[in-house]
């Protein structure tokens, strides 16, 4: 017993090491729980994605305005949507050839001429927790997205894109 007491006395940082180890273990456990989402968070998110897909059919180009999109459930903050300016719209829809440009929807072609009146909203079709523990540092992998092209505040074009 005297050897154990002598060993403890010769290692005064042992309690600090034990406390630091406990903190690291708690941090790892919290990170794993956080990366998987809460028990209701992922289910609620998948239900929200299903609602977003069904609401897509209710969007009418030429009639639906940007505030109506939010009312239908296309919440930019909740789904981490990207908002594109006129120049961003041109970059997003830029075709590779002039033949590809001719095949673009007329609403998209019109935004190349009047980029100051066009914006776009891009909603990813992936759970923010789908990447796992290191998802924040990894490149985003989006299996699909819903794109709304807005001209003067109204939906002019809508599409669902894969990949």
N, C-alpha and C. Protein backbone atom coordinates (compact mmCIF):
# COMPACT_ATOMS: atom_id res chain seq x y z
N UNK A 1 0.82 -1.19 0.00
CA UNK A 1 0.00 0.00 0.00
C UNK A 1 0.86 1.25 0.00
N UNK A 2 1.97 1.19 0.72
CA UNK A 2 2.84 2.35 0.78
C UNK A 2 3.45 2.65 -0.58
N UNK A 3 3.64 1.62 -1.43
CA UNK A 3 4.14 1.84 -2.79
C UNK A 3 3.12 2.62 -3.63
N UNK A 4 1.85 2.28 -3.47
CA UNK A 4 0.78 2.96 -4.22
C UNK A 4 0.70 4.43 -3.80
N UNK A 5 0.80 4.71 -2.53
CA UNK A 5 0.74 6.09 -2.04
C UNK A 5 1.96 6.85 -2.53
N UNK A 6 3.13 6.21 -2.49
CA UNK A 6 4.34 6.85 -2.97
C UNK A 6 4.23 7.15 -4.47
N UNK A 7 3.64 6.20 -5.24
CA UNK A 7 3.48 6.40 -6.69
C UNK A 7 2.53 7.57 -6.97
N UNK A 8 1.41 7.64 -6.20
CA UNK A 8 0.46 8.74 -6.35
C UNK A 8 1.10 10.08 -6.00
N UNK A 9 1.90 10.10 -4.97
CA UNK A 9 2.57 11.34 -4.57
C UNK A 9 3.61 11.77 -5.59
N UNK A 10 4.21 10.82 -6.30
CA UNK A 10 5.21 11.19 -7.29
C UNK A 10 4.59 11.60 -8.62
N UNK A 11 3.30 11.43 -8.78
CA UNK A 11 2.57 11.83 -10.01
C UNK A 11 1.45 12.81 -9.63
N UNK A 12 1.78 14.06 -9.37
CA UNK A 12 0.76 15.01 -8.88
C UNK A 12 -0.25 15.43 -9.97
N UNK A 13 0.05 15.18 -11.23
CA UNK A 13 -0.87 15.58 -12.29
C UNK A 13 -1.88 14.49 -12.65
N UNK A 14 -1.85 13.37 -11.94
CA UNK A 14 -2.75 12.27 -12.23
C UNK A 14 -4.23 12.67 -12.14
N UNK A 15 -4.68 13.38 -11.10
CA UNK A 15 -6.10 13.78 -11.07
C UNK A 15 -6.48 14.68 -12.25
N UNK A 16 -5.56 15.56 -12.64
CA UNK A 16 -5.83 16.42 -13.79
C UNK A 16 -5.95 15.60 -15.07
N UNK A 17 -5.11 14.59 -15.22
CA UNK A 17 -5.16 13.71 -16.38
C UNK A 17 -6.48 12.93 -16.42
N UNK A 18 -6.94 12.48 -15.29
CA UNK A 18 -8.22 11.76 -15.23
C UNK A 18 -9.39 12.67 -15.60
N UNK A 19 -9.39 13.88 -15.10
CA UNK A 19 -10.46 14.84 -15.43
C UNK A 19 -10.43 15.19 -16.92
N UNK A 20 -9.25 15.42 -17.47
CA UNK A 20 -9.13 15.73 -18.91
C UNK A 20 -9.61 14.56 -19.76
N UNK A 21 -9.28 13.34 -19.36
CA UNK A 21 -9.74 12.16 -20.10
C UNK A 21 -11.26 12.06 -20.08
N UNK A 22 -11.86 12.34 -18.95
CA UNK A 22 -13.31 12.30 -18.82
C UNK A 22 -13.97 13.36 -19.72
N UNK A 23 -13.40 14.54 -19.76
CA UNK A 23 -13.93 15.62 -20.62
C UNK A 23 -13.84 15.23 -22.08
N UNK A 24 -12.73 14.64 -22.48
CA UNK A 24 -12.58 14.21 -23.88
C UNK A 24 -13.61 13.14 -24.22
N UNK A 25 -13.81 12.19 -23.34
CA UNK A 25 -14.82 11.14 -23.59
C UNK A 25 -16.23 11.73 -23.72
N UNK A 26 -16.56 12.68 -22.86
CA UNK A 26 -17.87 13.33 -22.94
C UNK A 26 -18.02 14.12 -24.24
N UNK A 27 -16.95 14.77 -24.68
CA UNK A 27 -17.00 15.54 -25.93
C UNK A 27 -17.19 14.62 -27.13
N UNK A 28 -16.52 13.49 -27.15
CA UNK A 28 -16.69 12.53 -28.25
C UNK A 28 -18.12 11.99 -28.26
N UNK A 29 -18.64 11.64 -27.10
CA UNK A 29 -20.01 11.13 -27.02
C UNK A 29 -21.01 12.19 -27.50
N UNK A 30 -20.81 13.43 -27.11
CA UNK A 30 -21.70 14.50 -27.55
C UNK A 30 -21.61 14.70 -29.06
N UNK A 31 -20.41 14.61 -29.64
CA UNK A 31 -20.24 14.79 -31.08
C UNK A 31 -20.94 13.68 -31.85
N UNK A 32 -20.87 12.46 -31.36
CA UNK A 32 -21.54 11.34 -32.03
C UNK A 32 -23.04 11.53 -31.97
N UNK A 33 -23.56 11.90 -30.83
CA UNK A 33 -25.01 12.13 -30.70
C UNK A 33 -25.44 13.28 -31.59
N UNK A 34 -24.68 14.35 -31.61
CA UNK A 34 -25.02 15.52 -32.43
C UNK A 34 -24.97 15.19 -33.91
N UNK A 35 -24.01 14.37 -34.35
CA UNK A 35 -23.88 14.07 -35.78
C UNK A 35 -25.02 13.20 -36.27
N UNK A 36 -25.61 12.40 -35.41
CA UNK A 36 -26.74 11.56 -35.81
C UNK A 36 -28.06 12.30 -35.72
N UNK A 37 -28.08 13.44 -35.09
CA UNK A 37 -29.31 14.21 -34.93
C UNK A 37 -30.09 13.69 -33.73
N UNK A 38 -31.04 14.44 -33.31
CA UNK A 38 -31.87 14.00 -32.20
C UNK A 38 -32.83 12.92 -32.68
N UNK A 39 -33.43 12.22 -31.77
CA UNK A 39 -34.32 11.13 -32.16
C UNK A 39 -35.51 11.63 -32.97
N UNK A 40 -36.03 12.78 -32.65
CA UNK A 40 -37.16 13.32 -33.40
C UNK A 40 -36.71 14.21 -34.53
N UNK A 41 -35.48 14.70 -34.50
CA UNK A 41 -35.00 15.63 -35.51
C UNK A 41 -34.95 15.03 -36.91
N UNK A 42 -34.38 13.82 -37.07
CA UNK A 42 -34.29 13.22 -38.38
C UNK A 42 -35.65 12.83 -38.92
N UNK A 43 -36.52 12.28 -38.05
CA UNK A 43 -37.86 11.92 -38.50
C UNK A 43 -38.63 13.15 -38.94
N UNK A 44 -38.53 14.21 -38.16
CA UNK A 44 -39.23 15.45 -38.51
C UNK A 44 -38.67 16.00 -39.81
N UNK A 45 -37.37 15.87 -40.01
CA UNK A 45 -36.77 16.40 -41.24
C UNK A 45 -37.23 15.60 -42.45
N UNK A 46 -37.28 14.26 -42.33
CA UNK A 46 -37.72 13.46 -43.47
C UNK A 46 -39.19 13.72 -43.77
N UNK A 47 -40.00 13.93 -42.74
CA UNK A 47 -41.39 14.29 -42.97
C UNK A 47 -41.46 15.64 -43.68
N UNK A 48 -40.60 16.57 -43.28
CA UNK A 48 -40.58 17.87 -43.92
C UNK A 48 -40.18 17.76 -45.39
N UNK A 49 -39.23 16.86 -45.71
CA UNK A 49 -38.84 16.66 -47.10
C UNK A 49 -39.99 16.09 -47.91
N UNK A 50 -40.75 15.17 -47.30
CA UNK A 50 -41.92 14.61 -48.00
C UNK A 50 -42.95 15.70 -48.25
N UNK A 51 -43.16 16.56 -47.26
CA UNK A 51 -44.10 17.67 -47.44
C UNK A 51 -43.60 18.63 -48.51
N UNK A 52 -42.28 18.86 -48.55
CA UNK A 52 -41.71 19.76 -49.55
C UNK A 52 -41.93 19.18 -50.95
N UNK A 53 -41.77 17.87 -51.10
CA UNK A 53 -41.97 17.24 -52.41
C UNK A 53 -43.43 17.33 -52.84
N UNK A 54 -44.35 17.14 -51.91
CA UNK A 54 -45.77 17.25 -52.28
C UNK A 54 -46.16 18.70 -52.57
N UNK A 55 -45.54 19.64 -51.86
CA UNK A 55 -45.84 21.05 -52.10
C UNK A 55 -45.29 21.52 -53.44
N UNK A 56 -44.28 20.82 -53.96
CA UNK A 56 -43.70 21.18 -55.26
C UNK A 56 -44.77 21.18 -56.35
N UNK A 57 -45.67 20.22 -56.29
CA UNK A 57 -46.74 20.14 -57.29
C UNK A 57 -47.71 21.31 -57.22
N UNK A 58 -47.79 21.96 -56.08
CA UNK A 58 -48.71 23.09 -55.91
C UNK A 58 -48.14 24.40 -56.45
N UNK A 59 -46.85 24.41 -56.75
CA UNK A 59 -46.21 25.63 -57.25
C UNK A 59 -46.54 25.78 -58.73
N UNK A 60 -47.12 26.92 -59.09
CA UNK A 60 -47.50 27.19 -60.47
C UNK A 60 -46.63 28.31 -61.03
N UNK A 61 -45.80 27.99 -62.06
CA UNK A 61 -45.00 29.05 -62.67
C UNK A 61 -45.87 30.18 -63.20
N UNK A 62 -45.46 31.40 -62.94
CA UNK A 62 -46.21 32.57 -63.36
C UNK A 62 -47.22 33.06 -62.33
N UNK A 63 -47.59 32.22 -61.40
CA UNK A 63 -48.60 32.59 -60.39
C UNK A 63 -48.04 32.65 -58.97
N UNK A 64 -47.21 31.68 -58.61
CA UNK A 64 -46.73 31.58 -57.24
C UNK A 64 -45.63 32.61 -56.99
N UNK A 65 -45.78 33.36 -55.89
CA UNK A 65 -44.77 34.36 -55.53
C UNK A 65 -43.83 33.79 -54.47
N UNK A 66 -42.75 34.51 -54.21
CA UNK A 66 -41.76 34.04 -53.24
C UNK A 66 -42.36 33.88 -51.83
N UNK A 67 -43.20 34.80 -51.34
CA UNK A 67 -43.81 34.58 -50.03
C UNK A 67 -44.73 33.36 -50.01
N UNK A 68 -45.37 33.06 -51.13
CA UNK A 68 -46.22 31.88 -51.19
C UNK A 68 -45.40 30.60 -51.14
N UNK A 69 -44.17 30.64 -51.64
CA UNK A 69 -43.28 29.48 -51.53
C UNK A 69 -43.03 29.16 -50.06
N UNK A 70 -42.75 30.19 -49.29
CA UNK A 70 -42.52 30.01 -47.86
C UNK A 70 -43.77 29.46 -47.18
N UNK A 71 -44.93 29.94 -47.59
CA UNK A 71 -46.18 29.46 -47.01
C UNK A 71 -46.43 27.99 -47.36
N UNK A 72 -45.96 27.55 -48.52
CA UNK A 72 -46.11 26.16 -48.91
C UNK A 72 -45.13 25.24 -48.19
N UNK A 73 -44.16 25.81 -47.51
CA UNK A 73 -43.21 25.00 -46.75
C UNK A 73 -41.79 25.06 -47.25
N UNK A 74 -41.51 25.85 -48.26
CA UNK A 74 -40.16 25.98 -48.77
C UNK A 74 -39.43 27.06 -47.96
N UNK A 75 -39.06 26.68 -46.75
CA UNK A 75 -38.39 27.58 -45.82
C UNK A 75 -36.89 27.57 -46.12
N UNK A 76 -36.36 28.72 -46.51
CA UNK A 76 -34.96 28.82 -46.91
C UNK A 76 -34.01 28.50 -45.76
N UNK A 77 -34.31 28.94 -44.57
CA UNK A 77 -33.41 28.71 -43.43
C UNK A 77 -33.46 27.25 -42.99
N UNK A 78 -34.64 26.68 -42.94
CA UNK A 78 -34.79 25.32 -42.45
C UNK A 78 -34.11 24.30 -43.36
N UNK A 79 -34.22 24.47 -44.67
CA UNK A 79 -33.66 23.52 -45.61
C UNK A 79 -32.30 23.96 -46.15
N UNK A 80 -31.76 25.04 -45.60
CA UNK A 80 -30.45 25.55 -46.00
C UNK A 80 -30.38 25.77 -47.51
N UNK A 81 -31.37 26.49 -48.00
CA UNK A 81 -31.44 26.78 -49.44
C UNK A 81 -30.43 27.86 -49.80
N UNK A 82 -29.94 27.76 -51.02
CA UNK A 82 -29.06 28.79 -51.55
C UNK A 82 -29.91 29.77 -52.34
N UNK A 83 -29.63 31.03 -52.18
CA UNK A 83 -30.30 32.07 -52.94
C UNK A 83 -29.29 32.62 -53.95
N UNK A 84 -29.66 32.57 -55.23
CA UNK A 84 -28.76 33.01 -56.29
C UNK A 84 -29.21 34.35 -56.84
N UNK A 85 -28.27 35.23 -57.06
CA UNK A 85 -28.55 36.52 -57.68
C UNK A 85 -28.66 36.30 -59.19
N UNK A 86 -28.90 37.36 -59.94
CA UNK A 86 -29.02 37.26 -61.39
C UNK A 86 -27.78 36.65 -62.04
N UNK A 87 -26.61 37.08 -61.59
CA UNK A 87 -25.37 36.53 -62.13
C UNK A 87 -25.19 35.07 -61.71
N UNK A 88 -25.59 34.75 -60.50
CA UNK A 88 -25.54 33.36 -60.03
C UNK A 88 -26.48 32.47 -60.82
N UNK A 89 -27.64 33.01 -61.22
CA UNK A 89 -28.58 32.26 -62.05
C UNK A 89 -27.93 31.93 -63.39
N UNK A 90 -27.28 32.91 -63.98
CA UNK A 90 -26.61 32.68 -65.26
C UNK A 90 -25.52 31.62 -65.12
N UNK A 91 -24.76 31.70 -64.06
CA UNK A 91 -23.69 30.72 -63.85
C UNK A 91 -24.28 29.32 -63.62
N UNK A 92 -25.37 29.24 -62.86
CA UNK A 92 -25.99 27.95 -62.54
C UNK A 92 -26.56 27.27 -63.79
N UNK A 93 -27.22 28.03 -64.63
CA UNK A 93 -27.89 27.45 -65.81
C UNK A 93 -27.04 27.53 -67.08
N UNK A 94 -25.80 28.02 -66.99
CA UNK A 94 -24.97 28.22 -68.18
C UNK A 94 -24.80 26.91 -68.94
N UNK A 95 -25.25 26.88 -70.20
CA UNK A 95 -25.08 25.66 -71.01
C UNK A 95 -23.67 25.59 -71.58
N UNK A 96 -23.31 24.40 -72.07
CA UNK A 96 -21.97 24.19 -72.63
C UNK A 96 -21.88 24.67 -74.08
N UNK A 97 -22.97 24.57 -74.81
CA UNK A 97 -22.95 24.95 -76.23
C UNK A 97 -24.16 25.82 -76.54
N UNK A 98 -24.13 26.43 -77.71
CA UNK A 98 -25.27 27.26 -78.12
C UNK A 98 -26.49 26.39 -78.40
N UNK A 99 -26.28 25.16 -78.83
CA UNK A 99 -27.42 24.25 -79.04
C UNK A 99 -28.09 23.93 -77.70
N UNK A 100 -27.28 23.76 -76.66
CA UNK A 100 -27.84 23.54 -75.32
C UNK A 100 -28.61 24.77 -74.85
N UNK A 101 -28.12 25.95 -75.18
CA UNK A 101 -28.83 27.18 -74.82
C UNK A 101 -30.20 27.23 -75.49
N UNK A 102 -30.27 26.82 -76.75
CA UNK A 102 -31.55 26.82 -77.46
C UNK A 102 -32.54 25.85 -76.85
N UNK A 103 -32.05 24.82 -76.15
CA UNK A 103 -32.94 23.83 -75.53
C UNK A 103 -33.37 24.22 -74.13
N UNK A 104 -32.82 25.30 -73.59
CA UNK A 104 -33.23 25.77 -72.27
C UNK A 104 -34.67 26.25 -72.31
N UNK A 105 -35.32 26.16 -71.17
CA UNK A 105 -36.67 26.68 -71.03
C UNK A 105 -36.67 28.18 -71.36
N UNK A 106 -37.71 28.68 -72.04
CA UNK A 106 -37.75 30.11 -72.38
C UNK A 106 -37.63 31.03 -71.16
N UNK A 107 -38.13 30.62 -70.01
CA UNK A 107 -38.01 31.45 -68.80
C UNK A 107 -36.55 31.57 -68.38
N UNK A 108 -35.79 30.50 -68.53
CA UNK A 108 -34.37 30.54 -68.18
C UNK A 108 -33.62 31.41 -69.19
N UNK A 109 -33.94 31.27 -70.48
CA UNK A 109 -33.31 32.09 -71.51
C UNK A 109 -33.57 33.57 -71.27
N UNK A 110 -34.78 33.90 -70.84
CA UNK A 110 -35.13 35.30 -70.59
C UNK A 110 -34.29 35.88 -69.46
N UNK A 111 -33.87 35.06 -68.51
CA UNK A 111 -33.06 35.55 -67.40
C UNK A 111 -31.64 35.88 -67.83
N UNK A 112 -31.20 35.36 -68.95
CA UNK A 112 -29.88 35.75 -69.46
C UNK A 112 -29.92 37.17 -70.01
N UNK A 113 -31.10 37.61 -70.47
CA UNK A 113 -31.26 38.97 -70.98
C UNK A 113 -31.58 39.98 -69.88
N UNK A 114 -32.32 39.56 -68.87
CA UNK A 114 -32.75 40.46 -67.79
C UNK A 114 -32.30 39.90 -66.45
N UNK A 115 -31.00 39.79 -66.27
CA UNK A 115 -30.48 39.17 -65.05
C UNK A 115 -30.78 39.99 -63.79
N UNK A 116 -31.05 41.28 -63.94
CA UNK A 116 -31.33 42.11 -62.78
C UNK A 116 -32.68 41.79 -62.15
N UNK A 117 -33.57 41.15 -62.89
CA UNK A 117 -34.90 40.81 -62.36
C UNK A 117 -35.02 39.34 -61.98
N UNK A 118 -33.98 38.55 -62.18
CA UNK A 118 -34.04 37.11 -61.92
C UNK A 118 -33.21 36.72 -60.71
N UNK A 119 -33.78 35.84 -59.92
CA UNK A 119 -33.07 35.20 -58.81
C UNK A 119 -33.49 33.73 -58.83
N UNK A 120 -32.85 32.94 -58.01
CA UNK A 120 -33.21 31.53 -57.92
C UNK A 120 -33.04 31.06 -56.48
N UNK A 121 -33.84 30.07 -56.12
CA UNK A 121 -33.72 29.40 -54.83
C UNK A 121 -33.42 27.94 -55.11
N UNK A 122 -32.37 27.41 -54.48
CA UNK A 122 -31.96 26.03 -54.67
C UNK A 122 -32.08 25.32 -53.32
N UNK A 123 -33.02 24.37 -53.24
CA UNK A 123 -33.26 23.61 -52.01
C UNK A 123 -32.64 22.23 -52.16
N UNK A 124 -31.69 21.86 -51.28
CA UNK A 124 -31.10 20.51 -51.37
C UNK A 124 -32.09 19.45 -50.88
N UNK A 125 -32.06 18.29 -51.52
CA UNK A 125 -32.90 17.17 -51.10
C UNK A 125 -32.07 16.17 -50.31
N UNK A 126 -31.42 16.65 -49.25
CA UNK A 126 -30.63 15.78 -48.38
C UNK A 126 -30.75 16.28 -46.97
N UNK A 127 -30.70 15.34 -46.05
CA UNK A 127 -30.73 15.69 -44.64
C UNK A 127 -29.41 16.34 -44.26
N UNK A 128 -29.42 17.41 -43.46
CA UNK A 128 -28.17 18.02 -43.05
C UNK A 128 -27.32 17.08 -42.20
N UNK A 129 -27.93 16.01 -41.64
CA UNK A 129 -27.18 15.06 -40.81
C UNK A 129 -26.77 13.82 -41.58
N UNK A 130 -26.94 13.80 -42.91
CA UNK A 130 -26.68 12.58 -43.66
C UNK A 130 -25.20 12.31 -43.86
N UNK A 131 -24.34 13.28 -43.60
CA UNK A 131 -22.93 13.08 -43.84
C UNK A 131 -22.18 12.41 -42.72
N UNK A 132 -22.78 12.28 -41.54
CA UNK A 132 -22.11 11.62 -40.43
C UNK A 132 -21.29 12.59 -39.60
N UNK A 133 -20.38 12.01 -38.82
CA UNK A 133 -19.64 12.76 -37.81
C UNK A 133 -18.80 13.89 -38.39
N UNK A 134 -18.13 13.68 -39.50
CA UNK A 134 -17.23 14.69 -40.07
C UNK A 134 -17.87 15.41 -41.25
N UNK A 135 -19.16 15.48 -41.31
CA UNK A 135 -19.84 16.08 -42.45
C UNK A 135 -19.52 17.56 -42.61
N UNK A 136 -19.25 18.25 -41.51
CA UNK A 136 -18.99 19.68 -41.60
C UNK A 136 -17.70 19.97 -42.36
N UNK A 137 -16.74 19.07 -42.31
CA UNK A 137 -15.48 19.28 -42.99
C UNK A 137 -15.43 18.65 -44.37
N UNK A 138 -16.40 17.82 -44.69
CA UNK A 138 -16.40 17.14 -45.98
C UNK A 138 -17.09 18.01 -47.03
N UNK A 139 -16.83 17.72 -48.30
CA UNK A 139 -17.49 18.43 -49.38
C UNK A 139 -18.96 18.03 -49.39
N UNK A 140 -19.88 18.98 -49.60
CA UNK A 140 -21.30 18.65 -49.56
C UNK A 140 -21.67 17.71 -50.69
N UNK A 141 -22.43 16.66 -50.34
CA UNK A 141 -22.91 15.72 -51.34
C UNK A 141 -24.41 15.86 -51.40
N UNK A 142 -24.91 16.38 -52.48
CA UNK A 142 -26.33 16.63 -52.63
C UNK A 142 -26.88 15.66 -53.67
N UNK A 143 -27.75 14.71 -53.27
CA UNK A 143 -28.28 13.77 -54.23
C UNK A 143 -29.29 14.39 -55.18
N UNK A 144 -29.81 15.52 -54.83
CA UNK A 144 -30.78 16.18 -55.68
C UNK A 144 -31.13 17.54 -55.12
N UNK A 145 -31.86 18.30 -55.93
CA UNK A 145 -32.24 19.63 -55.46
C UNK A 145 -33.49 20.09 -56.21
N UNK A 146 -34.22 20.95 -55.54
CA UNK A 146 -35.38 21.61 -56.14
C UNK A 146 -34.96 23.03 -56.44
N UNK A 147 -35.18 23.47 -57.68
CA UNK A 147 -34.75 24.80 -58.10
C UNK A 147 -35.97 25.60 -58.54
N UNK A 148 -36.11 26.79 -57.99
CA UNK A 148 -37.15 27.72 -58.40
C UNK A 148 -36.47 28.95 -58.99
N UNK A 149 -36.77 29.27 -60.22
CA UNK A 149 -36.28 30.48 -60.86
C UNK A 149 -37.35 31.54 -60.68
N UNK A 150 -36.97 32.65 -60.06
CA UNK A 150 -37.91 33.73 -59.77
C UNK A 150 -37.62 34.91 -60.68
N UNK A 151 -38.65 35.41 -61.33
CA UNK A 151 -38.51 36.61 -62.15
C UNK A 151 -39.48 37.64 -61.60
N UNK A 152 -38.92 38.74 -61.15
CA UNK A 152 -39.70 39.82 -60.52
C UNK A 152 -40.53 39.28 -59.35
N UNK A 153 -39.97 38.36 -58.57
CA UNK A 153 -40.62 37.87 -57.37
C UNK A 153 -41.59 36.73 -57.57
N UNK A 154 -41.82 36.29 -58.82
CA UNK A 154 -42.74 35.19 -59.08
C UNK A 154 -41.97 34.01 -59.68
N UNK A 155 -42.43 32.81 -59.38
CA UNK A 155 -41.79 31.62 -59.93
C UNK A 155 -42.01 31.61 -61.44
N UNK A 156 -40.92 31.61 -62.19
CA UNK A 156 -41.00 31.56 -63.65
C UNK A 156 -40.70 30.16 -64.16
N UNK A 157 -39.98 29.36 -63.35
CA UNK A 157 -39.54 28.04 -63.80
C UNK A 157 -39.25 27.22 -62.54
N UNK A 158 -39.57 25.94 -62.58
CA UNK A 158 -39.26 25.06 -61.46
C UNK A 158 -38.76 23.73 -62.00
N UNK A 159 -37.86 23.11 -61.25
CA UNK A 159 -37.32 21.81 -61.67
C UNK A 159 -36.80 21.06 -60.46
N UNK A 160 -36.79 19.74 -60.60
CA UNK A 160 -36.12 18.87 -59.63
C UNK A 160 -34.96 18.23 -60.37
N UNK A 161 -33.76 18.42 -59.84
CA UNK A 161 -32.55 17.90 -60.49
C UNK A 161 -31.92 16.83 -59.63
N UNK A 162 -31.43 15.79 -60.26
CA UNK A 162 -30.71 14.73 -59.55
C UNK A 162 -29.23 14.95 -59.70
N UNK A 163 -28.50 14.55 -58.67
CA UNK A 163 -27.03 14.64 -58.71
C UNK A 163 -26.60 16.00 -58.56
